[in-house]
C-alpha cells in the first residue's frame, strides 16, 4: 500500500486505535509456551503490550493464510521487538515521515526526547533481527525479520509483510 493514500491513512488510524487499546490475555500468553522457546518468550514479554498484541495478530493472520511453519510464526511474533518503548507520538511522526518524507522525521528528531525513539523505529527491523539472533532463532526467522519491509524470502517474506500491514 502506498504511503499517503486514503487506504494507507485508514490503516494507520486503525493501527493507532489498536495501539491505544491493546491487551494480551493470560490465556494467549500461556498458549505461546506451546510453540515459542523460553528465549523467544523473554523477548515477547519485554515488548510493549501494543507490540505484543500486534505480534499475536500477525501470527493469527499468518495461520489464517495456512502458514504453520514455526520459523515464520516466530518472525511474525517478534518482528517489532526492536521498537522498544517508543510511545504513540514517535510512531505517528514515523508514519507521517513515510507519507511526507524523511525531512519531517529529521526535523522532529531535534525535539527533546524524540531522537532515540524515532531512531529505534527507523532501525527496528535490524534491531529486532539482532534480538532474534541473540535468542537463538533460526537464520530463516532472523532474515524474515531483518527484511520485513523489503522481503527477500520468496516463499514467506511478502506474506509476512502483508500480515504485518493488515494488522
N, C-alpha and C. Protein backbone atom coordinates (compact mmCIF):
# COMPACT_ATOMS: atom_id res chain seq x y z
N UNK A 1 0.85 -1.17 0.00
CA UNK A 1 0.00 0.00 0.00
C UNK A 1 0.90 1.24 0.00
N UNK A 2 0.59 2.17 -0.84
CA UNK A 2 1.42 3.36 -0.99
C UNK A 2 1.18 4.34 0.16
N UNK A 3 2.27 4.76 0.85
CA UNK A 3 2.11 5.75 1.92
C UNK A 3 1.43 7.02 1.42
N UNK A 4 0.53 7.54 2.25
CA UNK A 4 -0.16 8.78 1.93
C UNK A 4 -1.50 8.60 1.24
N UNK A 5 -1.80 7.38 0.76
CA UNK A 5 -3.09 7.14 0.11
C UNK A 5 -4.17 6.99 1.17
N UNK A 6 -5.42 7.13 0.75
CA UNK A 6 -6.53 7.00 1.70
C UNK A 6 -6.53 5.65 2.41
N UNK A 7 -6.37 4.53 1.70
CA UNK A 7 -6.33 3.24 2.42
C UNK A 7 -5.16 3.16 3.41
N UNK A 8 -4.03 3.76 3.07
CA UNK A 8 -2.89 3.77 3.97
C UNK A 8 -3.23 4.54 5.24
N UNK A 9 -3.83 5.75 5.07
CA UNK A 9 -4.22 6.55 6.24
C UNK A 9 -5.24 5.81 7.10
N UNK A 10 -6.21 5.17 6.46
CA UNK A 10 -7.22 4.41 7.21
C UNK A 10 -6.54 3.32 8.03
N UNK A 11 -5.57 2.66 7.44
CA UNK A 11 -4.83 1.62 8.16
C UNK A 11 -4.05 2.19 9.32
N UNK A 12 -3.46 3.36 9.15
CA UNK A 12 -2.69 3.99 10.22
C UNK A 12 -3.60 4.42 11.38
N UNK A 13 -4.78 4.93 11.07
CA UNK A 13 -5.74 5.30 12.12
C UNK A 13 -6.17 4.05 12.88
N UNK A 14 -6.44 2.97 12.15
CA UNK A 14 -6.82 1.70 12.78
C UNK A 14 -5.69 1.20 13.67
N UNK A 15 -4.44 1.29 13.19
CA UNK A 15 -3.30 0.84 13.98
C UNK A 15 -3.14 1.67 15.25
N UNK A 16 -3.35 2.97 15.16
CA UNK A 16 -3.24 3.81 16.35
C UNK A 16 -4.31 3.43 17.37
N UNK A 17 -5.53 3.24 16.92
CA UNK A 17 -6.61 2.83 17.83
C UNK A 17 -6.27 1.49 18.49
N UNK A 18 -5.77 0.56 17.70
CA UNK A 18 -5.39 -0.75 18.25
C UNK A 18 -4.24 -0.60 19.25
N UNK A 19 -3.30 0.28 18.95
CA UNK A 19 -2.17 0.53 19.84
C UNK A 19 -2.65 1.03 21.20
N UNK A 20 -3.61 1.93 21.18
CA UNK A 20 -4.09 2.54 22.42
C UNK A 20 -4.93 1.60 23.27
N UNK A 21 -5.59 0.63 22.65
CA UNK A 21 -6.45 -0.28 23.42
C UNK A 21 -5.88 -1.69 23.54
N UNK A 22 -4.63 -1.87 23.21
CA UNK A 22 -4.02 -3.20 23.15
C UNK A 22 -4.01 -3.91 24.50
N UNK A 23 -4.30 -5.20 24.45
CA UNK A 23 -4.26 -6.09 25.61
C UNK A 23 -3.81 -7.47 25.13
N UNK A 24 -3.18 -8.22 26.02
CA UNK A 24 -2.83 -9.62 25.78
C UNK A 24 -3.32 -10.40 26.98
N UNK A 25 -4.18 -11.37 26.74
CA UNK A 25 -4.74 -12.14 27.85
C UNK A 25 -3.73 -13.16 28.37
N UNK A 26 -3.93 -13.59 29.61
CA UNK A 26 -3.08 -14.62 30.19
C UNK A 26 -3.17 -15.91 29.39
N UNK A 27 -4.34 -16.21 28.87
CA UNK A 27 -4.51 -17.43 28.06
C UNK A 27 -3.70 -17.34 26.77
N UNK A 28 -3.70 -16.17 26.14
CA UNK A 28 -2.91 -16.00 24.92
C UNK A 28 -1.42 -16.18 25.21
N UNK A 29 -0.98 -15.59 26.31
CA UNK A 29 0.44 -15.71 26.68
C UNK A 29 0.79 -17.16 27.00
N UNK A 30 -0.07 -17.85 27.71
CA UNK A 30 0.17 -19.26 28.05
C UNK A 30 0.27 -20.13 26.81
N UNK A 31 -0.57 -19.84 25.82
CA UNK A 31 -0.57 -20.65 24.60
C UNK A 31 0.75 -20.53 23.85
N UNK A 32 1.40 -19.39 23.95
CA UNK A 32 2.68 -19.20 23.27
C UNK A 32 3.73 -20.20 23.74
N UNK A 33 3.65 -20.58 25.01
CA UNK A 33 4.64 -21.50 25.57
C UNK A 33 4.59 -22.87 24.90
N UNK A 34 3.53 -23.15 24.15
CA UNK A 34 3.44 -24.44 23.46
C UNK A 34 4.26 -24.48 22.18
N UNK A 35 4.69 -23.31 21.68
CA UNK A 35 5.47 -23.32 20.44
C UNK A 35 6.64 -22.35 20.39
N UNK A 36 6.74 -21.43 21.31
CA UNK A 36 7.87 -20.49 21.34
C UNK A 36 8.86 -20.92 22.43
N UNK A 37 10.14 -20.69 22.18
CA UNK A 37 11.17 -21.06 23.16
C UNK A 37 11.16 -20.08 24.33
N UNK A 38 11.85 -20.46 25.39
CA UNK A 38 11.95 -19.56 26.56
C UNK A 38 12.61 -18.23 26.18
N UNK A 39 13.65 -18.30 25.37
CA UNK A 39 14.34 -17.07 24.95
C UNK A 39 13.42 -16.20 24.10
N UNK A 40 12.64 -16.81 23.22
CA UNK A 40 11.69 -16.05 22.40
C UNK A 40 10.61 -15.43 23.28
N UNK A 41 10.17 -16.17 24.29
CA UNK A 41 9.15 -15.64 25.20
C UNK A 41 9.69 -14.48 26.02
N UNK A 42 10.97 -14.52 26.39
CA UNK A 42 11.56 -13.39 27.12
C UNK A 42 11.54 -12.13 26.26
N UNK A 43 11.85 -12.29 24.97
CA UNK A 43 11.77 -11.12 24.07
C UNK A 43 10.33 -10.63 24.02
N UNK A 44 9.40 -11.54 23.79
CA UNK A 44 7.98 -11.18 23.70
C UNK A 44 7.54 -10.45 24.97
N UNK A 45 7.87 -11.00 26.13
CA UNK A 45 7.45 -10.40 27.39
C UNK A 45 8.05 -9.02 27.62
N UNK A 46 9.20 -8.73 27.00
CA UNK A 46 9.82 -7.42 27.13
C UNK A 46 9.29 -6.37 26.18
N UNK A 47 8.44 -6.79 25.26
CA UNK A 47 7.88 -5.84 24.28
C UNK A 47 6.73 -5.06 24.90
N UNK A 48 6.51 -3.82 24.46
CA UNK A 48 5.32 -3.09 24.91
C UNK A 48 4.05 -3.88 24.54
N UNK A 49 3.03 -3.72 25.34
CA UNK A 49 1.81 -4.51 25.13
C UNK A 49 1.24 -4.32 23.72
N UNK A 50 1.32 -3.13 23.17
CA UNK A 50 0.78 -2.91 21.82
C UNK A 50 1.54 -3.74 20.78
N UNK A 51 2.86 -3.86 20.94
CA UNK A 51 3.65 -4.65 20.00
C UNK A 51 3.43 -6.15 20.23
N UNK A 52 3.20 -6.54 21.49
CA UNK A 52 2.85 -7.95 21.75
C UNK A 52 1.52 -8.29 21.09
N UNK A 53 0.53 -7.42 21.26
CA UNK A 53 -0.79 -7.64 20.65
C UNK A 53 -0.65 -7.72 19.13
N UNK A 54 0.11 -6.80 18.57
CA UNK A 54 0.32 -6.79 17.12
C UNK A 54 0.99 -8.08 16.66
N UNK A 55 2.01 -8.52 17.38
CA UNK A 55 2.68 -9.77 17.02
C UNK A 55 1.73 -10.95 17.03
N UNK A 56 0.88 -11.02 18.04
CA UNK A 56 -0.12 -12.10 18.11
C UNK A 56 -1.10 -12.00 16.95
N UNK A 57 -1.50 -10.79 16.60
CA UNK A 57 -2.43 -10.61 15.48
C UNK A 57 -1.79 -10.99 14.15
N UNK A 58 -0.51 -10.68 13.99
CA UNK A 58 0.21 -11.08 12.77
C UNK A 58 0.29 -12.60 12.69
N UNK A 59 0.61 -13.25 13.80
CA UNK A 59 0.65 -14.72 13.83
C UNK A 59 -0.71 -15.30 13.46
N UNK A 60 -1.78 -14.73 14.01
CA UNK A 60 -3.13 -15.22 13.68
C UNK A 60 -3.42 -15.05 12.19
N UNK A 61 -3.01 -13.94 11.62
CA UNK A 61 -3.23 -13.72 10.18
C UNK A 61 -2.43 -14.72 9.35
N UNK A 62 -1.20 -14.98 9.75
CA UNK A 62 -0.39 -15.97 9.04
C UNK A 62 -1.04 -17.35 9.11
N UNK A 63 -1.54 -17.70 10.28
CA UNK A 63 -2.21 -19.00 10.42
C UNK A 63 -3.47 -19.07 9.56
N UNK A 64 -4.23 -17.98 9.51
CA UNK A 64 -5.42 -17.96 8.64
C UNK A 64 -5.03 -18.14 7.17
N UNK A 65 -3.83 -17.72 6.85
CA UNK A 65 -3.30 -17.85 5.49
C UNK A 65 -2.72 -19.25 5.25
N UNK A 66 -2.88 -20.14 6.23
CA UNK A 66 -2.42 -21.51 6.07
C UNK A 66 -0.97 -21.75 6.44
N UNK A 67 -0.34 -20.78 7.06
CA UNK A 67 1.08 -20.91 7.42
C UNK A 67 1.19 -21.49 8.82
N UNK A 68 1.95 -22.58 8.93
CA UNK A 68 2.20 -23.17 10.24
C UNK A 68 3.69 -23.42 10.48
N UNK A 69 4.52 -22.87 9.62
CA UNK A 69 5.97 -23.01 9.74
C UNK A 69 6.44 -22.23 10.97
N UNK A 70 7.06 -22.90 11.94
CA UNK A 70 7.47 -22.22 13.18
C UNK A 70 8.41 -21.03 12.95
N UNK A 71 9.31 -21.13 11.97
CA UNK A 71 10.22 -20.01 11.70
C UNK A 71 9.45 -18.76 11.30
N UNK A 72 8.43 -18.93 10.51
CA UNK A 72 7.63 -17.80 10.03
C UNK A 72 6.77 -17.25 11.16
N UNK A 73 6.19 -18.14 11.96
CA UNK A 73 5.34 -17.69 13.07
C UNK A 73 6.16 -16.91 14.10
N UNK A 74 7.36 -17.39 14.41
CA UNK A 74 8.21 -16.66 15.36
C UNK A 74 8.59 -15.30 14.78
N UNK A 75 8.88 -15.25 13.48
CA UNK A 75 9.17 -13.95 12.85
C UNK A 75 7.98 -13.01 12.98
N UNK A 76 6.78 -13.52 12.77
CA UNK A 76 5.59 -12.70 12.92
C UNK A 76 5.41 -12.20 14.34
N UNK A 77 5.72 -13.05 15.30
CA UNK A 77 5.56 -12.70 16.70
C UNK A 77 6.55 -11.61 17.14
N UNK A 78 7.79 -11.71 16.69
CA UNK A 78 8.86 -10.86 17.22
C UNK A 78 9.35 -9.77 16.27
N UNK A 79 8.72 -9.61 15.13
CA UNK A 79 9.26 -8.70 14.11
C UNK A 79 9.38 -7.24 14.55
N UNK A 80 8.63 -6.83 15.56
CA UNK A 80 8.70 -5.44 16.03
C UNK A 80 9.37 -5.30 17.40
N UNK A 81 10.03 -6.35 17.86
CA UNK A 81 10.64 -6.33 19.19
C UNK A 81 11.63 -5.18 19.36
N UNK A 82 12.31 -4.80 18.31
CA UNK A 82 13.33 -3.77 18.39
C UNK A 82 12.80 -2.35 18.52
N UNK A 83 11.49 -2.18 18.42
CA UNK A 83 10.93 -0.83 18.56
C UNK A 83 11.06 -0.32 19.99
N UNK A 84 10.98 -1.21 20.96
CA UNK A 84 11.10 -0.82 22.35
C UNK A 84 9.99 0.13 22.78
N UNK A 85 10.23 0.83 23.87
CA UNK A 85 9.25 1.76 24.43
C UNK A 85 9.31 3.07 23.66
N UNK A 86 8.52 3.19 22.63
CA UNK A 86 8.58 4.41 21.83
C UNK A 86 7.40 5.34 22.07
N UNK A 87 6.28 4.81 22.49
CA UNK A 87 5.10 5.65 22.68
C UNK A 87 4.40 5.98 21.38
N UNK A 88 3.22 6.55 21.49
CA UNK A 88 2.37 6.81 20.33
C UNK A 88 2.87 7.98 19.48
N UNK A 89 3.35 9.05 20.10
CA UNK A 89 3.74 10.24 19.33
C UNK A 89 4.88 9.95 18.34
N UNK A 90 5.97 9.30 18.76
CA UNK A 90 7.01 8.98 17.78
C UNK A 90 6.50 8.06 16.66
N UNK A 91 5.59 7.18 16.98
CA UNK A 91 5.03 6.29 15.95
C UNK A 91 4.22 7.09 14.93
N UNK A 92 3.50 8.08 15.41
CA UNK A 92 2.75 8.94 14.49
C UNK A 92 3.71 9.72 13.60
N UNK A 93 4.75 10.28 14.20
CA UNK A 93 5.74 11.04 13.43
C UNK A 93 6.42 10.13 12.40
N UNK A 94 6.75 8.92 12.81
CA UNK A 94 7.37 7.95 11.89
C UNK A 94 6.45 7.69 10.69
N UNK A 95 5.17 7.51 10.95
CA UNK A 95 4.21 7.29 9.86
C UNK A 95 4.08 8.51 8.97
N UNK A 96 4.05 9.69 9.58
CA UNK A 96 4.00 10.91 8.77
C UNK A 96 5.24 11.03 7.89
N UNK A 97 6.38 10.61 8.41
CA UNK A 97 7.60 10.62 7.62
C UNK A 97 7.52 9.67 6.43
N UNK A 98 6.83 8.54 6.60
CA UNK A 98 6.64 7.63 5.48
C UNK A 98 5.80 8.28 4.38
N UNK A 99 4.82 9.08 4.80
CA UNK A 99 3.92 9.70 3.84
C UNK A 99 4.51 10.96 3.20
N UNK A 100 5.21 11.77 4.01
CA UNK A 100 5.64 13.08 3.53
C UNK A 100 7.14 13.22 3.32
N UNK A 101 7.90 12.26 3.76
CA UNK A 101 9.34 12.28 3.54
C UNK A 101 10.14 12.32 4.82
N UNK A 102 11.39 11.89 4.74
CA UNK A 102 12.24 11.79 5.93
C UNK A 102 12.59 13.14 6.55
N UNK A 103 12.41 14.22 5.81
CA UNK A 103 12.71 15.55 6.36
C UNK A 103 11.88 15.80 7.62
N UNK A 104 10.65 15.29 7.65
CA UNK A 104 9.78 15.51 8.80
C UNK A 104 10.33 14.81 10.04
N UNK A 105 10.74 13.57 9.88
CA UNK A 105 11.32 12.82 10.99
C UNK A 105 12.60 13.49 11.46
N UNK A 106 13.41 13.94 10.52
CA UNK A 106 14.66 14.62 10.86
C UNK A 106 14.39 15.89 11.67
N UNK A 107 13.41 16.66 11.23
CA UNK A 107 13.06 17.89 11.92
C UNK A 107 12.56 17.61 13.34
N UNK A 108 11.61 16.70 13.47
CA UNK A 108 11.04 16.38 14.79
C UNK A 108 12.08 15.72 15.68
N UNK A 109 13.03 15.03 15.07
CA UNK A 109 14.09 14.38 15.84
C UNK A 109 14.94 15.34 16.65
N UNK A 110 14.89 16.61 16.33
CA UNK A 110 15.63 17.62 17.09
C UNK A 110 14.90 18.03 18.37
N UNK A 111 13.65 17.66 18.50
CA UNK A 111 12.90 17.99 19.71
C UNK A 111 13.34 17.09 20.86
N UNK A 112 13.30 17.61 22.08
CA UNK A 112 13.73 16.82 23.24
C UNK A 112 12.96 15.49 23.33
N UNK A 113 13.70 14.42 23.53
CA UNK A 113 13.10 13.11 23.74
C UNK A 113 12.62 12.40 22.49
N UNK A 114 12.82 12.97 21.33
CA UNK A 114 12.29 12.35 20.11
C UNK A 114 13.33 11.58 19.30
N UNK A 115 14.58 11.95 19.36
CA UNK A 115 15.59 11.32 18.50
C UNK A 115 15.70 9.82 18.76
N UNK A 116 15.84 9.40 20.01
CA UNK A 116 16.04 7.97 20.31
C UNK A 116 14.87 7.11 19.85
N UNK A 117 13.61 7.46 20.19
CA UNK A 117 12.53 6.60 19.73
C UNK A 117 12.36 6.60 18.21
N UNK A 118 12.60 7.74 17.57
CA UNK A 118 12.49 7.77 16.10
C UNK A 118 13.59 6.93 15.45
N UNK A 119 14.77 6.93 16.05
CA UNK A 119 15.85 6.08 15.54
C UNK A 119 15.50 4.61 15.72
N UNK A 120 14.96 4.26 16.89
CA UNK A 120 14.55 2.86 17.12
C UNK A 120 13.50 2.43 16.11
N UNK A 121 12.55 3.29 15.82
CA UNK A 121 11.51 2.94 14.84
C UNK A 121 12.12 2.74 13.45
N UNK A 122 13.02 3.62 13.07
CA UNK A 122 13.64 3.50 11.74
C UNK A 122 14.50 2.25 11.63
N UNK A 123 15.18 1.90 12.72
CA UNK A 123 16.12 0.78 12.71
C UNK A 123 15.53 -0.51 13.25
N UNK A 124 14.23 -0.54 13.54
CA UNK A 124 13.69 -1.70 14.25
C UNK A 124 13.83 -3.03 13.53
N UNK A 125 13.79 -3.10 12.19
CA UNK A 125 13.97 -4.43 11.59
C UNK A 125 15.33 -5.05 11.95
N UNK A 126 16.38 -4.26 11.85
CA UNK A 126 17.72 -4.78 12.18
C UNK A 126 17.84 -5.05 13.68
N UNK A 127 17.32 -4.16 14.50
CA UNK A 127 17.36 -4.37 15.96
C UNK A 127 16.59 -5.63 16.33
N UNK A 128 15.43 -5.81 15.75
CA UNK A 128 14.61 -6.99 16.03
C UNK A 128 15.32 -8.25 15.57
N UNK A 129 15.97 -8.19 14.41
CA UNK A 129 16.71 -9.35 13.90
C UNK A 129 17.86 -9.71 14.84
N UNK A 130 18.57 -8.71 15.36
CA UNK A 130 19.67 -8.98 16.30
C UNK A 130 19.14 -9.62 17.57
N UNK A 131 18.01 -9.14 18.06
CA UNK A 131 17.41 -9.73 19.26
C UNK A 131 17.04 -11.18 19.00
N UNK A 132 16.47 -11.45 17.84
CA UNK A 132 16.11 -12.83 17.49
C UNK A 132 17.35 -13.71 17.40
N UNK A 133 18.42 -13.18 16.84
CA UNK A 133 19.67 -13.95 16.75
C UNK A 133 20.21 -14.26 18.15
N UNK A 134 20.18 -13.27 19.03
CA UNK A 134 20.66 -13.47 20.40
C UNK A 134 19.80 -14.49 21.15
N UNK A 135 18.54 -14.62 20.76
CA UNK A 135 17.64 -15.59 21.40
C UNK A 135 17.79 -16.99 20.79
N UNK A 136 18.65 -17.11 19.78
CA UNK A 136 18.86 -18.42 19.17
C UNK A 136 17.85 -18.80 18.10
N UNK A 137 17.15 -17.81 17.56
CA UNK A 137 16.19 -18.10 16.48
C UNK A 137 16.94 -18.58 15.25
N UNK A 138 16.22 -19.26 14.38
CA UNK A 138 16.81 -19.78 13.15
C UNK A 138 17.26 -18.64 12.25
N UNK A 139 18.21 -18.95 11.37
CA UNK A 139 18.66 -17.95 10.39
C UNK A 139 17.49 -17.47 9.54
N UNK A 140 16.59 -18.37 9.22
CA UNK A 140 15.43 -18.01 8.40
C UNK A 140 14.55 -16.99 9.12
N UNK A 141 14.28 -17.23 10.40
CA UNK A 141 13.49 -16.29 11.20
C UNK A 141 14.18 -14.93 11.24
N UNK A 142 15.47 -14.95 11.48
CA UNK A 142 16.24 -13.71 11.58
C UNK A 142 16.15 -12.92 10.27
N UNK A 143 16.30 -13.61 9.15
CA UNK A 143 16.25 -12.93 7.85
C UNK A 143 14.84 -12.44 7.52
N UNK A 144 13.82 -13.20 7.88
CA UNK A 144 12.45 -12.72 7.67
C UNK A 144 12.21 -11.43 8.45
N UNK A 145 12.71 -11.37 9.66
CA UNK A 145 12.57 -10.16 10.48
C UNK A 145 13.39 -9.03 9.88
N UNK A 146 14.63 -9.31 9.55
CA UNK A 146 15.54 -8.28 9.03
C UNK A 146 14.98 -7.62 7.76
N UNK A 147 14.37 -8.40 6.90
CA UNK A 147 13.89 -7.90 5.61
C UNK A 147 12.37 -7.75 5.57
N UNK A 148 11.76 -7.50 6.72
CA UNK A 148 10.30 -7.40 6.80
C UNK A 148 9.72 -6.29 5.93
N UNK A 149 10.44 -5.22 5.72
CA UNK A 149 9.91 -4.11 4.93
C UNK A 149 10.22 -4.23 3.44
N UNK A 150 11.20 -5.03 3.10
CA UNK A 150 11.59 -5.28 1.70
C UNK A 150 11.91 -6.77 1.58
N UNK A 151 10.88 -7.60 1.60
CA UNK A 151 11.07 -9.06 1.71
C UNK A 151 11.99 -9.65 0.64
N UNK A 152 12.82 -10.59 1.11
CA UNK A 152 13.71 -11.32 0.22
C UNK A 152 13.36 -12.79 0.15
N UNK A 153 12.70 -13.30 1.17
CA UNK A 153 12.31 -14.72 1.18
C UNK A 153 11.20 -14.91 0.16
N UNK A 154 11.44 -15.73 -0.88
CA UNK A 154 10.47 -15.85 -1.96
C UNK A 154 9.18 -16.55 -1.55
N UNK A 155 9.25 -17.33 -0.49
CA UNK A 155 8.06 -18.09 -0.11
C UNK A 155 7.21 -17.37 0.93
N UNK A 156 7.85 -16.79 1.94
CA UNK A 156 7.08 -16.25 3.06
C UNK A 156 7.29 -14.76 3.35
N UNK A 157 8.30 -14.14 2.77
CA UNK A 157 8.59 -12.75 3.09
C UNK A 157 7.44 -11.80 2.82
N UNK A 158 6.87 -11.89 1.64
CA UNK A 158 5.76 -10.99 1.28
C UNK A 158 4.51 -11.32 2.09
N UNK A 159 4.31 -12.58 2.39
CA UNK A 159 3.14 -12.95 3.20
C UNK A 159 3.27 -12.38 4.62
N UNK A 160 4.47 -12.38 5.16
CA UNK A 160 4.70 -11.76 6.46
C UNK A 160 4.47 -10.25 6.37
N UNK A 161 4.99 -9.62 5.34
CA UNK A 161 4.80 -8.17 5.18
C UNK A 161 3.33 -7.81 5.09
N UNK A 162 2.57 -8.58 4.33
CA UNK A 162 1.13 -8.31 4.19
C UNK A 162 0.38 -8.53 5.49
N UNK A 163 0.74 -9.58 6.23
CA UNK A 163 0.10 -9.82 7.53
C UNK A 163 0.42 -8.68 8.49
N UNK A 164 1.64 -8.18 8.44
CA UNK A 164 2.04 -7.04 9.26
C UNK A 164 1.24 -5.80 8.88
N UNK A 165 1.17 -5.53 7.59
CA UNK A 165 0.46 -4.34 7.10
C UNK A 165 -1.03 -4.39 7.45
N UNK A 166 -1.61 -5.58 7.42
CA UNK A 166 -3.05 -5.72 7.68
C UNK A 166 -3.39 -5.63 9.17
N UNK A 167 -2.39 -5.70 10.01
CA UNK A 167 -2.64 -5.72 11.45
C UNK A 167 -1.91 -4.59 12.15
